[in-house]
């Protein structure tokens, strides 16, 4: 698997945080806050793959751009960045050795914590 940072999503997330469109929730909240499969599919139907990809900080180049498997490390609910989503992504990226994603997530996490 060739997973790397999704630069477009990183820029999108930074803009959302700068604009105050984030939730400073706790680590364990992600299981409740992350979009359900139905919410993902509804967003895809309305917005398409290009916008869907803005909500995932990683991309797998071995998977097609128009598949869910292409997108890794979700960080929000298709409206706001969630601190808990970032914490989950940060932990997984570090465990899996995706240093570019880990650094990007840590940056976003820091932006939220600084308020």
C-alpha atoms as a PDB file:
ATOM      1  CA  UNK A   1       0.000   0.000   0.000  1.00  0.00           C
ATOM      2  CA  UNK A   2       1.333   3.417  -0.949  1.00  0.00           C
ATOM      3  CA  UNK A   3      -0.341   5.897   1.377  1.00  0.00           C
ATOM      4  CA  UNK A   4       0.705   9.530   1.412  1.00  0.00           C
ATOM      5  CA  UNK A   5      -0.561  12.887   2.630  1.00  0.00           C
ATOM      6  CA  UNK A   6      -3.545  14.307   0.763  1.00  0.00           C
ATOM      7  CA  UNK A   7      -2.279  17.892   0.394  1.00  0.00           C
ATOM      8  CA  UNK A   8      -5.663  19.205  -0.770  1.00  0.00           C
ATOM      9  CA  UNK A   9      -7.350  17.792   2.336  1.00  0.00           C
ATOM     10  CA  UNK A  10      -4.619  19.207   4.581  1.00  0.00           C
ATOM     11  CA  UNK A  11      -5.107  22.695   3.121  1.00  0.00           C
ATOM     12  CA  UNK A  12      -8.882  22.317   3.420  1.00  0.00           C
ATOM     13  CA  UNK A  13      -8.609  21.273   7.065  1.00  0.00           C
ATOM     14  CA  UNK A  14      -6.272  24.177   7.908  1.00  0.00           C
ATOM     15  CA  UNK A  15      -8.723  26.635   6.365  1.00  0.00           C
ATOM     16  CA  UNK A  16     -11.641  25.128   8.283  1.00  0.00           C
ATOM     17  CA  UNK A  17      -9.748  25.384  11.578  1.00  0.00           C
ATOM     18  CA  UNK A  18      -8.674  28.978  10.833  1.00  0.00           C
ATOM     19  CA  UNK A  19     -12.326  29.790  10.095  1.00  0.00           C
ATOM     20  CA  UNK A  20     -13.402  28.297  13.447  1.00  0.00           C
ATOM     21  CA  UNK A  21     -15.144  25.321  11.850  1.00  0.00           C
ATOM     22  CA  UNK A  22     -13.977  22.695  14.298  1.00  0.00           C
ATOM     23  CA  UNK A  23     -15.151  20.780  17.342  1.00  0.00           C
ATOM     24  CA  UNK A  24     -12.680  20.555  20.239  1.00  0.00           C
ATOM     25  CA  UNK A  25     -13.999  17.213  21.444  1.00  0.00           C
ATOM     26  CA  UNK A  26     -12.276  14.370  23.291  1.00  0.00           C
ATOM     27  CA  UNK A  27     -10.417  11.358  21.861  1.00  0.00           C
ATOM     28  CA  UNK A  28     -13.154   8.831  22.621  1.00  0.00           C
ATOM     29  CA  UNK A  29     -15.854  10.894  20.868  1.00  0.00           C
ATOM     30  CA  UNK A  30     -14.783   9.839  17.350  1.00  0.00           C
ATOM     31  CA  UNK A  31     -16.755   6.582  17.472  1.00  0.00           C
ATOM     32  CA  UNK A  32     -19.913   8.689  17.788  1.00  0.00           C
ATOM     33  CA  UNK A  33     -18.886  11.712  15.701  1.00  0.00           C
ATOM     34  CA  UNK A  34     -17.452  10.079  12.591  1.00  0.00           C
ATOM     35  CA  UNK A  35     -19.819   9.904   9.625  1.00  0.00           C
ATOM     36  CA  UNK A  36     -21.728   6.676   9.183  1.00  0.00           C
ATOM     37  CA  UNK A  37     -21.575   4.713   5.943  1.00  0.00           C
ATOM     38  CA  UNK A  38     -24.993   6.138   5.011  1.00  0.00           C
ATOM     39  CA  UNK A  39     -23.754   9.694   5.654  1.00  0.00           C
ATOM     40  CA  UNK A  40     -20.656   9.033   3.559  1.00  0.00           C
ATOM     41  CA  UNK A  41     -22.752   7.686   0.696  1.00  0.00           C
ATOM     42  CA  UNK A  42     -25.176  10.601   0.874  1.00  0.00           C
ATOM     43  CA  UNK A  43     -22.293  13.082   0.790  1.00  0.00           C
ATOM     44  CA  UNK A  44     -20.748  11.251  -2.159  1.00  0.00           C
ATOM     45  CA  UNK A  45     -24.042  11.304  -4.064  1.00  0.00           C
ATOM     46  CA  UNK A  46     -24.433  15.055  -3.539  1.00  0.00           C
ATOM     47  CA  UNK A  47     -20.819  16.273  -3.711  1.00  0.00           C
ATOM     48  CA  UNK A  48     -18.840  13.686  -5.672  1.00  0.00           C
ATOM     49  CA  UNK A  49     -15.415  12.138  -5.184  1.00  0.00           C
ATOM     50  CA  UNK A  50     -13.403  15.360  -5.418  1.00  0.00           C
ATOM     51  CA  UNK A  51     -15.156  16.961  -2.421  1.00  0.00           C
ATOM     52  CA  UNK A  52     -15.358  13.649  -0.565  1.00  0.00           C
ATOM     53  CA  UNK A  53     -11.570  13.418  -0.734  1.00  0.00           C
ATOM     54  CA  UNK A  54     -11.191  16.750   1.053  1.00  0.00           C
ATOM     55  CA  UNK A  55     -12.205  15.023   4.292  1.00  0.00           C
ATOM     56  CA  UNK A  56      -9.421  12.406   4.286  1.00  0.00           C
ATOM     57  CA  UNK A  57      -5.816  13.294   5.110  1.00  0.00           C
ATOM     58  CA  UNK A  58      -4.361  10.233   3.396  1.00  0.00           C
ATOM     59  CA  UNK A  59      -4.662   8.732  -0.065  1.00  0.00           C
ATOM     60  CA  UNK A  60      -3.663   5.280  -1.262  1.00  0.00           C
ATOM     61  CA  UNK A  61      -2.206   5.577  -4.754  1.00  0.00           C
ATOM     62  CA  UNK A  62      -2.750   1.888  -5.394  1.00  0.00           C
ATOM     63  CA  UNK A  63      -6.523   2.369  -5.249  1.00  0.00           C
ATOM     64  CA  UNK A  64      -8.629   4.241  -7.794  1.00  0.00           C
ATOM     65  CA  UNK A  65      -9.562   7.876  -7.076  1.00  0.00           C
ATOM     66  CA  UNK A  66     -13.234   6.969  -7.280  1.00  0.00           C
ATOM     67  CA  UNK A  67     -13.180   4.310  -4.551  1.00  0.00           C
ATOM     68  CA  UNK A  68     -13.547   4.660  -0.812  1.00  0.00           C
ATOM     69  CA  UNK A  69     -10.412   2.559  -0.400  1.00  0.00           C
ATOM     70  CA  UNK A  70      -8.387   5.392  -1.925  1.00  0.00           C
ATOM     71  CA  UNK A  71      -9.149   7.690   1.018  1.00  0.00           C
ATOM     72  CA  UNK A  72      -7.629   7.167   4.478  1.00  0.00           C
ATOM     73  CA  UNK A  73      -7.531   9.044   7.772  1.00  0.00           C
ATOM     74  CA  UNK A  74     -10.877  10.858   8.029  1.00  0.00           C
ATOM     75  CA  UNK A  75     -10.850  13.931  10.256  1.00  0.00           C
ATOM     76  CA  UNK A  76     -14.320  15.451  10.207  1.00  0.00           C
ATOM     77  CA  UNK A  77     -18.032  15.126   9.651  1.00  0.00           C
ATOM     78  CA  UNK A  78     -18.251  16.781   6.195  1.00  0.00           C
ATOM     79  CA  UNK A  79     -18.860  20.117   7.877  1.00  0.00           C
ATOM     80  CA  UNK A  80     -16.357  20.574  10.678  1.00  0.00           C
ATOM     81  CA  UNK A  81     -12.973  19.252  11.718  1.00  0.00           C
ATOM     82  CA  UNK A  82     -13.183  17.094  14.839  1.00  0.00           C
ATOM     83  CA  UNK A  83     -10.314  17.045  17.296  1.00  0.00           C
ATOM     84  CA  UNK A  84     -11.204  13.434  18.128  1.00  0.00           C
ATOM     85  CA  UNK A  85     -10.897  12.483  14.448  1.00  0.00           C
ATOM     86  CA  UNK A  86      -7.488  14.117  14.308  1.00  0.00           C
ATOM     87  CA  UNK A  87      -6.355  12.274  17.439  1.00  0.00           C
ATOM     88  CA  UNK A  88      -7.490   8.955  15.954  1.00  0.00           C
ATOM     89  CA  UNK A  89      -5.696   9.728  12.676  1.00  0.00           C
ATOM     90  CA  UNK A  90      -2.573  10.877  14.491  1.00  0.00           C
ATOM     91  CA  UNK A  91      -2.353   7.653  16.462  1.00  0.00           C
ATOM     92  CA  UNK A  92      -2.932   5.405  13.414  1.00  0.00           C
ATOM     93  CA  UNK A  93      -0.513   7.360  11.196  1.00  0.00           C
ATOM     94  CA  UNK A  94       2.242   7.106  13.817  1.00  0.00           C
ATOM     95  CA  UNK A  95       1.622   3.380  14.330  1.00  0.00           C
ATOM     96  CA  UNK A  96       1.730   2.725  10.579  1.00  0.00           C
ATOM     97  CA  UNK A  97       4.785   4.893   9.931  1.00  0.00           C
ATOM     98  CA  UNK A  98       3.117   7.537   7.746  1.00  0.00           C
ATOM     99  CA  UNK A  99       5.297  10.387   8.933  1.00  0.00           C
ATOM    100  CA  UNK A 100       3.931  13.016   6.519  1.00  0.00           C
ATOM    101  CA  UNK A 101       0.371  12.348   7.655  1.00  0.00           C
ATOM    102  CA  UNK A 102       1.429  12.200  11.302  1.00  0.00           C
ATOM    103  CA  UNK A 103       3.099  15.639  11.035  1.00  0.00           C
ATOM    104  CA  UNK A 104       0.104  17.167   9.236  1.00  0.00           C
ATOM    105  CA  UNK A 105      -2.343  15.828  11.803  1.00  0.00           C
ATOM    106  CA  UNK A 106      -0.155  17.019  14.674  1.00  0.00           C
ATOM    107  CA  UNK A 107      -0.120  20.481  13.081  1.00  0.00           C
ATOM    108  CA  UNK A 108      -3.922  20.566  12.849  1.00  0.00           C
ATOM    109  CA  UNK A 109      -4.277  19.192  16.365  1.00  0.00           C
ATOM    110  CA  UNK A 110      -1.987  21.972  17.610  1.00  0.00           C
ATOM    111  CA  UNK A 111      -3.995  24.623  15.749  1.00  0.00           C
ATOM    112  CA  UNK A 112      -7.174  23.497  17.528  1.00  0.00           C
ATOM    113  CA  UNK A 113      -5.547  23.238  20.951  1.00  0.00           C
ATOM    114  CA  UNK A 114      -4.131  26.760  20.594  1.00  0.00           C
ATOM    115  CA  UNK A 115      -7.672  27.897  19.880  1.00  0.00           C
END
